[in-house]
Amino acid sequence: MSVIDRIVDTRPLRSHPAFRRIWIGTTAASFSGQAAVVAVLYQVWELTHSSAWVGAIGIATAVPTIIFGLLGGALADATDRRRLVAITSAGAVTAAILLAVQAGLGLGSLPLVLVLVAAQTSCGALGASARRTFVPRLLPRDQVPAGIALNHVSFQAAMLVGPAVAGLVLAHWGLTWAYVLDAAAITISLYGVARLPRMRPTGGPTLVSLASTWDGWRFILRRPALSGSLATDLAATVLAMPIALFPVLNEQRFEGSPQTLGLFLSAIAVGGIAASLTSGILTRARRPGMVSLVAATTWGLALAGFGLVDTLFPTLAWLAVAGAADTVSVISRGTLIQLATPDPYLGRVSSVENVVGAGGPGIGNARAGAVASLTSASTAAVTGGLACAVVVVTLAATNPALRRWRHQDAERINQPSE
């Protein structure tokens, strides 16, 4: 391994063309998602000037993420994963185009915006589990952690660039073009998927049924390292997610500038990219479960700090610390989950991970918006961050399997133990 790869392990990009194409597409999809977040936040705030309604975006994303995310996990273990991702991506493009149309016509309908957001989220959730299975199928086992880290590097880069670009587009060209940007980026994401071979589950497909879905949940519940890792992420997202607070804090602190709104999300990405530059070291950590616990605690404390300040540099600095902690947590958790789950269960386990990772923030943003409307945005940030830290510390104290899990503990078996 070269000196560079010991810092940021780029072997999957250099030696595996299929992974490289998927990585480019995943980067475009991440950029799309970040541009859409800023556009939707901005439009809903302009329509309502209500933190509670901005928080309602979280419900519009969380509910379809949970329902279609779990269904997508079952489908990913029962059908061609490449085809599933291609179809759902096409649906997401259609929803983005309709968002652009409603903005261009100036309809000003909050229910329509929320319905289209829910539709786009449903498409993404349905294909998310299948997309997550690509890394362990395309890479040798020893490069899977590096592949997960590279995907998160691209996500953080998109989070850095996407909100800033969306803010500029909103300021200079308007809402319609921000949604057009979203649609174009999702279209680019189809590039890598189109050239993949068929990606059916190994060992034969699993029937799509409630029984197979419950079998996936049972697999997780019987492995404390998996269930504890997902519970840690759930605490971080549901209790401390701050994004619904960004518009009101931006208005209170910085006069509602759309460029500043974009900087809030970009600050998280700056921290994430800084942490990603150590991914070569991070992916070789002996106890990724313990690393994720420390990182999730840091995330909560940083967001509590974000709630206590009121000037630009400290605000962005605390968000950058939170972003760095989030990156460390995501890479460590993803490594544990991908390596500890056999391929026949990977779709269903990935669906639960996606429901927690994508649905949890929706619920967390709804919580933050509701608390902010009853108290203040700063109170919502501080109490949520501290609650997250307390819960994660409690999980660390009560789950020794998660604290002690090591790479060599992963068992690549086809069936769960009885």
Protein backbone atom coordinates (compact mmCIF):
# COMPACT_ATOMS: atom_id res chain seq x y z
CA MET A 1 0.00 0.00 0.00
CA SER A 2 1.40 3.40 -0.98
CA VAL A 3 1.90 6.29 1.43
CA ILE A 4 -1.06 8.13 -0.14
CA ASP A 5 -3.30 5.07 0.27
CA ARG A 6 -2.42 4.89 3.95
CA ILE A 7 -4.01 8.35 4.30
CA VAL A 8 -6.84 8.15 1.73
CA ASP A 9 -7.15 4.63 0.30
CA THR A 10 -7.90 5.13 -3.42
CA ARG A 11 -7.20 1.56 -4.59
CA PRO A 12 -10.87 0.85 -5.45
CA LEU A 13 -10.97 3.82 -7.84
CA ARG A 14 -7.70 2.90 -9.55
CA SER A 15 -8.16 -0.84 -9.95
CA HIS A 16 -11.91 -1.41 -10.37
CA PRO A 17 -13.54 0.45 -13.32
CA ALA A 18 -17.08 -0.65 -12.42
CA PHE A 19 -16.70 0.76 -8.91
CA ARG A 20 -15.21 3.95 -10.37
CA ARG A 21 -18.28 4.46 -12.59
CA ILE A 22 -20.66 3.76 -9.70
CA TRP A 23 -18.68 6.18 -7.54
CA ILE A 24 -19.07 8.95 -10.14
CA GLY A 25 -22.81 8.28 -10.32
CA THR A 26 -23.17 8.15 -6.54
CA THR A 27 -21.34 11.48 -6.28
CA ALA A 28 -23.79 13.04 -8.75
CA ALA A 29 -26.75 11.61 -6.81
CA SER A 30 -25.36 13.02 -3.56
CA PHE A 31 -24.91 16.43 -5.20
CA SER A 32 -28.50 16.24 -6.40
CA GLY A 33 -29.77 15.48 -2.92
CA GLN A 34 -27.90 18.39 -1.35
CA ALA A 35 -29.11 20.87 -3.98
CA ALA A 36 -32.67 19.66 -3.44
CA VAL A 37 -32.41 20.05 0.35
CA VAL A 38 -31.53 23.74 0.04
CA ALA A 39 -34.19 24.39 -2.62
CA VAL A 40 -36.97 22.72 -0.60
CA LEU A 41 -35.91 24.38 2.67
CA TYR A 42 -35.89 27.74 0.94
CA GLN A 43 -39.25 27.29 -0.80
CA VAL A 44 -41.10 26.01 2.27
CA TRP A 45 -39.67 28.79 4.44
CA GLU A 46 -40.65 31.44 1.88
CA LEU A 47 -44.17 30.00 1.65
CA THR A 48 -44.79 29.70 5.41
CA HIS A 49 -42.08 31.43 7.51
CA SER A 50 -42.79 28.66 10.04
CA SER A 51 -40.23 26.36 11.70
CA ALA A 52 -42.98 23.81 12.27
CA TRP A 53 -43.74 23.62 8.53
CA VAL A 54 -40.05 23.41 7.70
CA GLY A 55 -39.92 20.53 10.17
CA ALA A 56 -42.85 18.95 8.32
CA ILE A 57 -40.45 18.37 5.41
CA GLY A 58 -38.95 15.77 7.74
CA ILE A 59 -42.27 13.91 7.93
CA ALA A 60 -42.60 14.08 4.13
CA THR A 61 -39.21 12.36 3.85
CA ALA A 62 -39.26 10.08 6.90
CA VAL A 63 -42.54 8.26 6.24
CA PRO A 64 -41.75 7.19 2.64
CA THR A 65 -38.18 6.39 3.65
CA ILE A 66 -39.40 3.95 6.29
CA ILE A 67 -42.12 2.35 4.14
CA PHE A 68 -40.32 2.18 0.81
CA GLY A 69 -36.90 1.71 2.35
CA LEU A 70 -37.97 -1.56 4.00
CA LEU A 71 -39.76 -2.67 0.83
CA GLY A 72 -36.66 -1.79 -1.19
CA GLY A 73 -34.53 -3.96 1.09
CA ALA A 74 -36.76 -6.97 0.46
CA LEU A 75 -36.72 -6.27 -3.29
CA ALA A 76 -32.91 -5.95 -3.27
CA ASP A 77 -32.65 -9.51 -1.94
CA ALA A 78 -35.22 -10.79 -4.43
CA THR A 79 -34.43 -9.20 -7.80
CA ASP A 80 -31.75 -7.70 -10.05
CA ARG A 81 -30.30 -4.88 -7.98
CA ARG A 82 -28.95 -2.98 -10.99
CA ARG A 83 -32.38 -2.84 -12.65
CA LEU A 84 -34.06 -1.73 -9.41
CA VAL A 85 -31.65 1.20 -9.00
CA ALA A 86 -32.09 2.26 -12.64
CA ILE A 87 -35.92 2.30 -12.43
CA THR A 88 -36.06 4.17 -9.12
CA SER A 89 -33.53 6.74 -10.30
CA ALA A 90 -35.72 7.46 -13.33
CA GLY A 91 -38.66 8.03 -10.97
CA ALA A 92 -36.60 10.47 -8.89
CA VAL A 93 -35.71 12.45 -12.05
CA THR A 94 -39.41 12.71 -12.90
CA ALA A 95 -40.25 14.08 -9.43
CA ALA A 96 -37.43 16.64 -9.68
CA ILE A 97 -38.73 17.83 -13.06
CA LEU A 98 -42.23 18.26 -11.59
CA LEU A 99 -40.77 20.29 -8.70
CA ALA A 100 -39.12 22.55 -11.28
CA VAL A 101 -42.41 22.90 -13.17
CA GLN A 102 -44.41 23.90 -10.07
CA ALA A 103 -41.76 26.45 -9.15
CA GLY A 104 -41.69 27.84 -12.70
CA LEU A 105 -45.48 28.22 -12.78
CA GLY A 106 -45.42 29.97 -9.41
CA LEU A 107 -48.17 27.74 -7.98
CA GLY A 108 -47.14 28.44 -4.37
CA SER A 109 -48.81 25.23 -3.11
CA LEU A 110 -47.22 23.83 0.05
CA PRO A 111 -49.15 20.50 -0.14
CA LEU A 112 -47.96 19.99 -3.74
CA VAL A 113 -44.33 20.64 -2.77
CA LEU A 114 -44.54 18.17 0.12
CA VAL A 115 -46.22 15.52 -2.05
CA LEU A 116 -43.51 15.82 -4.72
CA VAL A 117 -40.78 15.70 -2.08
CA ALA A 118 -42.39 12.55 -0.67
CA ALA A 119 -42.58 11.02 -4.16
CA GLN A 120 -38.91 11.72 -4.89
CA THR A 121 -37.92 10.37 -1.48
CA SER A 122 -39.96 7.22 -2.11
CA CYS A 123 -38.07 6.52 -5.32
CA GLY A 124 -34.73 7.09 -3.65
CA ALA A 125 -35.62 4.91 -0.67
CA LEU A 126 -36.83 2.07 -2.89
CA GLY A 127 -33.46 1.88 -4.65
CA ALA A 128 -31.14 2.85 -1.79
CA SER A 129 -30.65 -0.64 -0.34
CA ALA A 130 -29.80 -2.11 -3.74
CA ARG A 131 -27.29 0.68 -4.38
CA ARG A 132 -25.59 0.00 -1.02
CA THR A 133 -24.99 -3.65 -1.99
CA PHE A 134 -22.81 -2.65 -4.96
CA VAL A 135 -19.65 -1.99 -2.90
CA PRO A 136 -19.20 -5.49 -1.42
CA ARG A 137 -20.13 -7.08 -4.78
CA LEU A 138 -17.69 -5.01 -6.86
CA LEU A 139 -14.70 -4.96 -4.51
CA PRO A 140 -12.56 -7.62 -2.84
CA ARG A 141 -13.21 -7.96 0.88
CA ASP A 142 -10.05 -6.14 1.97
CA GLN A 143 -11.07 -3.05 -0.06
CA VAL A 144 -14.70 -2.83 1.12
CA PRO A 145 -13.91 -0.37 3.98
CA ALA A 146 -12.00 1.82 1.49
CA GLY A 147 -14.96 1.74 -0.90
CA ILE A 148 -17.35 2.79 1.87
CA ALA A 149 -14.97 5.59 2.86
CA LEU A 150 -14.66 6.82 -0.74
CA ASN A 151 -18.45 6.90 -1.08
CA HIS A 152 -18.63 9.03 2.04
CA VAL A 153 -15.85 11.29 0.76
CA SER A 154 -17.94 11.90 -2.35
CA PHE A 155 -21.01 12.55 -0.21
CA GLN A 156 -19.13 15.13 1.84
CA ALA A 157 -17.74 16.76 -1.31
CA ALA A 158 -21.28 16.96 -2.69
CA MET A 159 -22.47 18.37 0.63
CA LEU A 160 -19.76 21.01 0.42
CA VAL A 161 -20.41 22.02 -3.17
CA GLY A 162 -24.12 21.23 -3.56
CA PRO A 163 -25.62 23.62 -0.98
CA ALA A 164 -23.24 26.43 -1.95
CA VAL A 165 -24.08 26.03 -5.64
CA ALA A 166 -27.79 25.75 -4.86
CA GLY A 167 -27.59 28.93 -2.78
CA LEU A 168 -25.96 30.79 -5.67
CA VAL A 169 -28.50 29.44 -8.15
CA LEU A 170 -31.37 30.50 -5.87
CA ALA A 171 -29.90 33.97 -5.44
CA HIS A 172 -29.16 34.61 -9.13
CA TRP A 173 -31.52 32.44 -11.21
CA GLY A 174 -34.32 31.40 -8.87
CA LEU A 175 -36.02 28.32 -7.52
CA THR A 176 -36.88 26.70 -10.85
CA TRP A 177 -33.25 26.35 -11.88
CA ALA A 178 -32.31 24.91 -8.50
CA TYR A 179 -34.75 22.05 -9.14
CA VAL A 180 -33.50 21.69 -12.73
CA LEU A 181 -30.01 21.27 -11.28
CA ASP A 182 -31.37 18.47 -9.07
CA ALA A 183 -32.91 16.66 -12.05
CA ALA A 184 -29.73 16.95 -14.14
CA ALA A 185 -27.54 15.52 -11.38
CA ILE A 186 -29.80 12.50 -10.85
CA THR A 187 -29.68 11.83 -14.59
CA ILE A 188 -25.88 11.77 -14.46
CA SER A 189 -26.07 9.24 -11.61
CA LEU A 190 -27.51 6.68 -14.04
CA TYR A 191 -24.14 6.59 -15.84
CA GLY A 192 -22.51 4.00 -13.61
CA VAL A 193 -25.61 1.86 -13.15
CA ALA A 194 -26.26 1.44 -16.88
CA ARG A 195 -22.92 -0.34 -17.46
CA LEU A 196 -23.11 -2.76 -14.55
CA PRO A 197 -23.72 -6.46 -15.14
CA ARG A 198 -26.83 -8.05 -13.67
CA MET A 199 -26.58 -7.98 -9.89
CA ARG A 200 -28.81 -10.73 -8.54
CA PRO A 201 -28.34 -11.82 -4.90
CA THR A 202 -25.91 -14.70 -4.40
CA GLY A 203 -27.46 -17.95 -3.22
CA GLY A 204 -30.69 -17.29 -5.09
CA PRO A 205 -33.38 -14.64 -4.57
CA THR A 206 -35.53 -14.33 -1.46
CA LEU A 207 -39.30 -14.02 -1.79
CA VAL A 208 -40.68 -10.55 -1.06
CA SER A 209 -42.89 -11.11 1.98
CA LEU A 210 -43.46 -10.02 5.54
CA ALA A 211 -41.75 -13.23 6.65
CA SER A 212 -38.55 -12.40 4.75
CA THR A 213 -38.61 -8.84 6.08
CA TRP A 214 -39.00 -10.11 9.65
CA ASP A 215 -36.17 -12.59 9.01
CA GLY A 216 -33.92 -9.63 8.21
CA TRP A 217 -34.93 -7.84 11.41
CA ARG A 218 -34.34 -11.03 13.40
CA PHE A 219 -30.88 -11.32 11.89
CA ILE A 220 -30.06 -7.82 13.17
CA LEU A 221 -31.61 -8.29 16.62
CA ARG A 222 -29.59 -11.47 17.23
CA ARG A 223 -26.34 -9.59 16.65
CA PRO A 224 -25.78 -6.89 19.30
CA ALA A 225 -22.99 -5.25 17.30
CA LEU A 226 -25.37 -4.66 14.37
CA SER A 227 -28.38 -3.60 16.43
CA GLY A 228 -26.22 -1.37 18.66
CA SER A 229 -24.60 0.30 15.67
CA LEU A 230 -28.00 1.12 14.17
CA ALA A 231 -29.33 2.32 17.54
CA THR A 232 -26.36 4.70 17.81
CA ASP A 233 -27.18 6.22 14.45
CA LEU A 234 -30.86 6.47 15.36
CA ALA A 235 -29.99 8.44 18.51
CA ALA A 236 -27.76 10.80 16.52
CA THR A 237 -30.31 11.48 13.79
CA VAL A 238 -33.59 11.59 15.71
CA LEU A 239 -32.34 13.54 18.71
CA ALA A 240 -29.79 15.96 17.23
CA MET A 241 -30.54 16.57 13.54
CA PRO A 242 -30.27 20.38 13.07
CA ILE A 243 -31.24 21.06 9.45
CA ALA A 244 -34.84 22.18 10.12
CA LEU A 245 -33.36 24.88 12.37
CA PHE A 246 -31.16 26.35 9.65
CA PRO A 247 -33.72 28.70 8.00
CA VAL A 248 -34.92 30.29 11.25
CA LEU A 249 -31.40 30.61 12.70
CA ASN A 250 -30.22 32.01 9.38
CA GLU A 251 -32.95 34.64 9.52
CA GLN A 252 -32.35 35.46 13.19
CA ARG A 253 -28.56 35.63 12.93
CA PHE A 254 -27.81 36.54 9.31
CA GLU A 255 -30.92 38.26 7.85
CA GLY A 256 -32.08 35.23 5.86
CA SER A 257 -29.42 35.34 3.12
CA PRO A 258 -29.73 32.28 0.81
CA GLN A 259 -25.94 32.20 0.40
CA THR A 260 -25.51 31.90 4.17
CA LEU A 261 -28.16 29.17 4.31
CA GLY A 262 -26.06 27.17 1.86
CA LEU A 263 -22.95 27.76 3.99
CA PHE A 264 -24.56 26.03 6.98
CA LEU A 265 -24.67 22.73 5.09
CA SER A 266 -21.32 23.38 3.45
CA ALA A 267 -19.71 23.86 6.87
CA ILE A 268 -20.76 20.36 7.87
CA ALA A 269 -19.17 19.13 4.66
CA VAL A 270 -15.89 20.97 5.32
CA GLY A 271 -15.54 19.05 8.56
CA GLY A 272 -16.55 15.84 6.83
CA ILE A 273 -13.97 16.25 4.08
CA ALA A 274 -11.26 17.04 6.64
CA ALA A 275 -12.10 13.81 8.46
CA SER A 276 -12.27 11.93 5.15
CA LEU A 277 -8.65 12.81 4.45
CA THR A 278 -7.75 10.35 7.21
CA SER A 279 -9.96 7.57 5.80
CA GLY A 280 -6.97 5.35 5.08
CA ILE A 281 -6.21 5.35 8.79
CA LEU A 282 -9.86 5.19 9.82
CA THR A 283 -10.67 2.10 7.74
CA ARG A 284 -7.86 0.22 9.52
CA ALA A 285 -9.13 1.06 13.02
CA ARG A 286 -9.20 -2.15 15.07
CA ARG A 287 -12.53 -1.44 16.79
CA PRO A 288 -14.85 0.46 14.41
CA GLY A 289 -17.81 0.08 16.80
CA MET A 290 -16.01 1.98 19.54
CA VAL A 291 -14.90 4.62 17.04
CA SER A 292 -18.51 5.17 15.93
CA LEU A 293 -19.68 5.56 19.55
CA VAL A 294 -17.09 8.25 20.29
CA ALA A 295 -17.90 10.03 17.02
CA ALA A 296 -21.67 10.02 17.65
CA THR A 297 -21.12 11.52 21.11
CA THR A 298 -18.94 14.24 19.58
CA TRP A 299 -21.67 14.95 16.98
CA GLY A 300 -24.22 15.61 19.73
CA LEU A 301 -21.93 17.84 21.78
CA ALA A 302 -20.90 19.86 18.69
CA LEU A 303 -24.53 20.54 17.77
CA ALA A 304 -25.24 21.66 21.32
CA GLY A 305 -22.37 24.11 20.87
CA PHE A 306 -23.89 25.25 17.56
CA GLY A 307 -27.06 26.18 19.44
CA LEU A 308 -25.20 28.36 21.92
CA VAL A 309 -23.40 30.75 19.54
CA ASP A 310 -24.79 33.59 17.41
CA THR A 311 -22.01 34.84 15.10
CA LEU A 312 -20.94 33.40 11.76
CA PHE A 313 -17.50 31.92 12.42
CA PRO A 314 -18.42 30.00 15.62
CA THR A 315 -21.65 28.80 13.98
CA LEU A 316 -19.78 27.37 11.00
CA ALA A 317 -16.96 26.03 13.21
CA TRP A 318 -19.31 23.97 15.39
CA LEU A 319 -21.06 22.63 12.28
CA ALA A 320 -17.67 21.65 10.84
CA VAL A 321 -16.82 19.71 14.01
CA ALA A 322 -20.20 17.98 13.77
CA GLY A 323 -19.52 17.13 10.12
CA ALA A 324 -16.15 15.59 10.96
CA ALA A 325 -17.71 13.48 13.70
CA ASP A 326 -20.50 12.38 11.36
CA THR A 327 -18.01 11.23 8.72
CA VAL A 328 -16.04 9.16 11.24
CA SER A 329 -19.27 7.62 12.52
CA VAL A 330 -20.66 6.80 9.06
CA ILE A 331 -17.46 5.16 7.80
CA SER A 332 -16.99 3.10 10.97
CA ARG A 333 -20.63 2.01 11.10
CA GLY A 334 -20.75 1.20 7.40
CA THR A 335 -17.61 -0.93 7.66
CA LEU A 336 -19.08 -2.95 10.52
CA ILE A 337 -22.46 -3.46 8.85
CA GLN A 338 -21.15 -4.39 5.40
CA LEU A 339 -18.56 -6.85 6.70
CA ALA A 340 -20.76 -8.45 9.36
CA THR A 341 -23.69 -9.14 6.98
CA PRO A 342 -23.73 -12.02 4.44
CA ASP A 343 -24.88 -11.22 0.91
CA PRO A 344 -28.32 -12.97 1.11
CA TYR A 345 -29.22 -10.59 3.96
CA LEU A 346 -27.36 -7.53 2.71
CA GLY A 347 -30.33 -5.89 1.01
CA ARG A 348 -32.60 -6.18 4.04
CA VAL A 349 -29.94 -5.12 6.53
CA SER A 350 -28.95 -2.23 4.25
CA SER A 351 -32.61 -1.20 4.10
CA VAL A 352 -32.74 -0.90 7.88
CA GLU A 353 -29.48 1.07 7.80
CA ASN A 354 -30.98 3.35 5.14
CA VAL A 355 -34.25 3.77 7.06
CA VAL A 356 -32.27 4.82 10.12
CA GLY A 357 -29.75 6.94 8.19
CA ALA A 358 -32.25 8.63 5.87
CA GLY A 359 -35.56 8.33 7.74
CA GLY A 360 -34.11 9.19 11.13
CA PRO A 361 -33.05 12.69 10.01
CA GLY A 362 -36.59 13.35 8.78
CA ILE A 363 -38.03 12.51 12.20
CA GLY A 364 -35.19 14.44 13.84
CA ASN A 365 -35.91 17.53 11.76
CA ALA A 366 -39.60 17.29 12.62
CA ARG A 367 -38.65 17.07 16.30
CA ALA A 368 -36.31 20.07 15.98
CA GLY A 369 -38.96 22.15 14.19
CA ALA A 370 -41.62 21.32 16.77
CA VAL A 371 -39.34 22.11 19.73
CA ALA A 372 -38.19 25.35 18.06
CA SER A 373 -41.78 26.46 17.52
CA LEU A 374 -42.60 25.84 21.20
CA THR A 375 -39.37 27.28 22.64
CA SER A 376 -36.60 28.59 20.38
CA ALA A 377 -34.30 27.26 17.68
CA SER A 378 -31.29 27.56 19.98
CA THR A 379 -33.04 25.57 22.70
CA ALA A 380 -33.96 22.87 20.19
CA ALA A 381 -30.32 22.54 19.09
CA VAL A 382 -28.84 22.48 22.60
CA THR A 383 -31.33 20.03 24.13
CA GLY A 384 -31.19 17.72 21.11
CA GLY A 385 -27.40 17.61 21.04
CA LEU A 386 -27.10 16.90 24.77
CA ALA A 387 -29.80 14.22 24.63
CA CYS A 388 -27.93 12.51 21.79
CA ALA A 389 -24.68 12.48 23.77
CA VAL A 390 -26.36 11.00 26.86
CA VAL A 391 -28.10 8.22 24.92
CA VAL A 392 -24.95 7.23 22.99
CA VAL A 393 -22.88 7.09 26.19
CA THR A 394 -25.56 4.83 27.67
CA LEU A 395 -25.42 2.55 24.61
CA ALA A 396 -21.64 2.37 24.91
CA ALA A 397 -21.91 1.32 28.53
CA THR A 398 -24.51 -1.40 27.90
CA ASN A 399 -23.34 -2.97 24.60
CA PRO A 400 -19.89 -4.57 24.98
CA ALA A 401 -20.29 -6.45 21.66
CA LEU A 402 -20.41 -3.15 19.78
CA ARG A 403 -17.50 -1.64 21.72
CA ARG A 404 -15.28 -4.69 21.11
CA TRP A 405 -16.22 -5.66 17.54
CA ARG A 406 -13.19 -6.15 15.28
CA HIS A 407 -12.79 -6.86 11.55
CA GLN A 408 -11.84 -10.46 12.24
CA ASP A 409 -15.13 -10.96 14.10
CA ALA A 410 -17.06 -10.67 10.84
CA GLU A 411 -18.51 -14.00 9.71
CA ARG A 412 -19.46 -14.26 6.05
CA ILE A 413 -22.14 -16.91 6.41
CA ASN A 414 -25.24 -17.54 4.32
CA GLN A 415 -27.72 -18.05 7.15
CA PRO A 416 -28.05 -16.57 10.63
CA SER A 417 -27.26 -18.82 13.55
CA GLU A 418 -30.24 -20.28 15.33
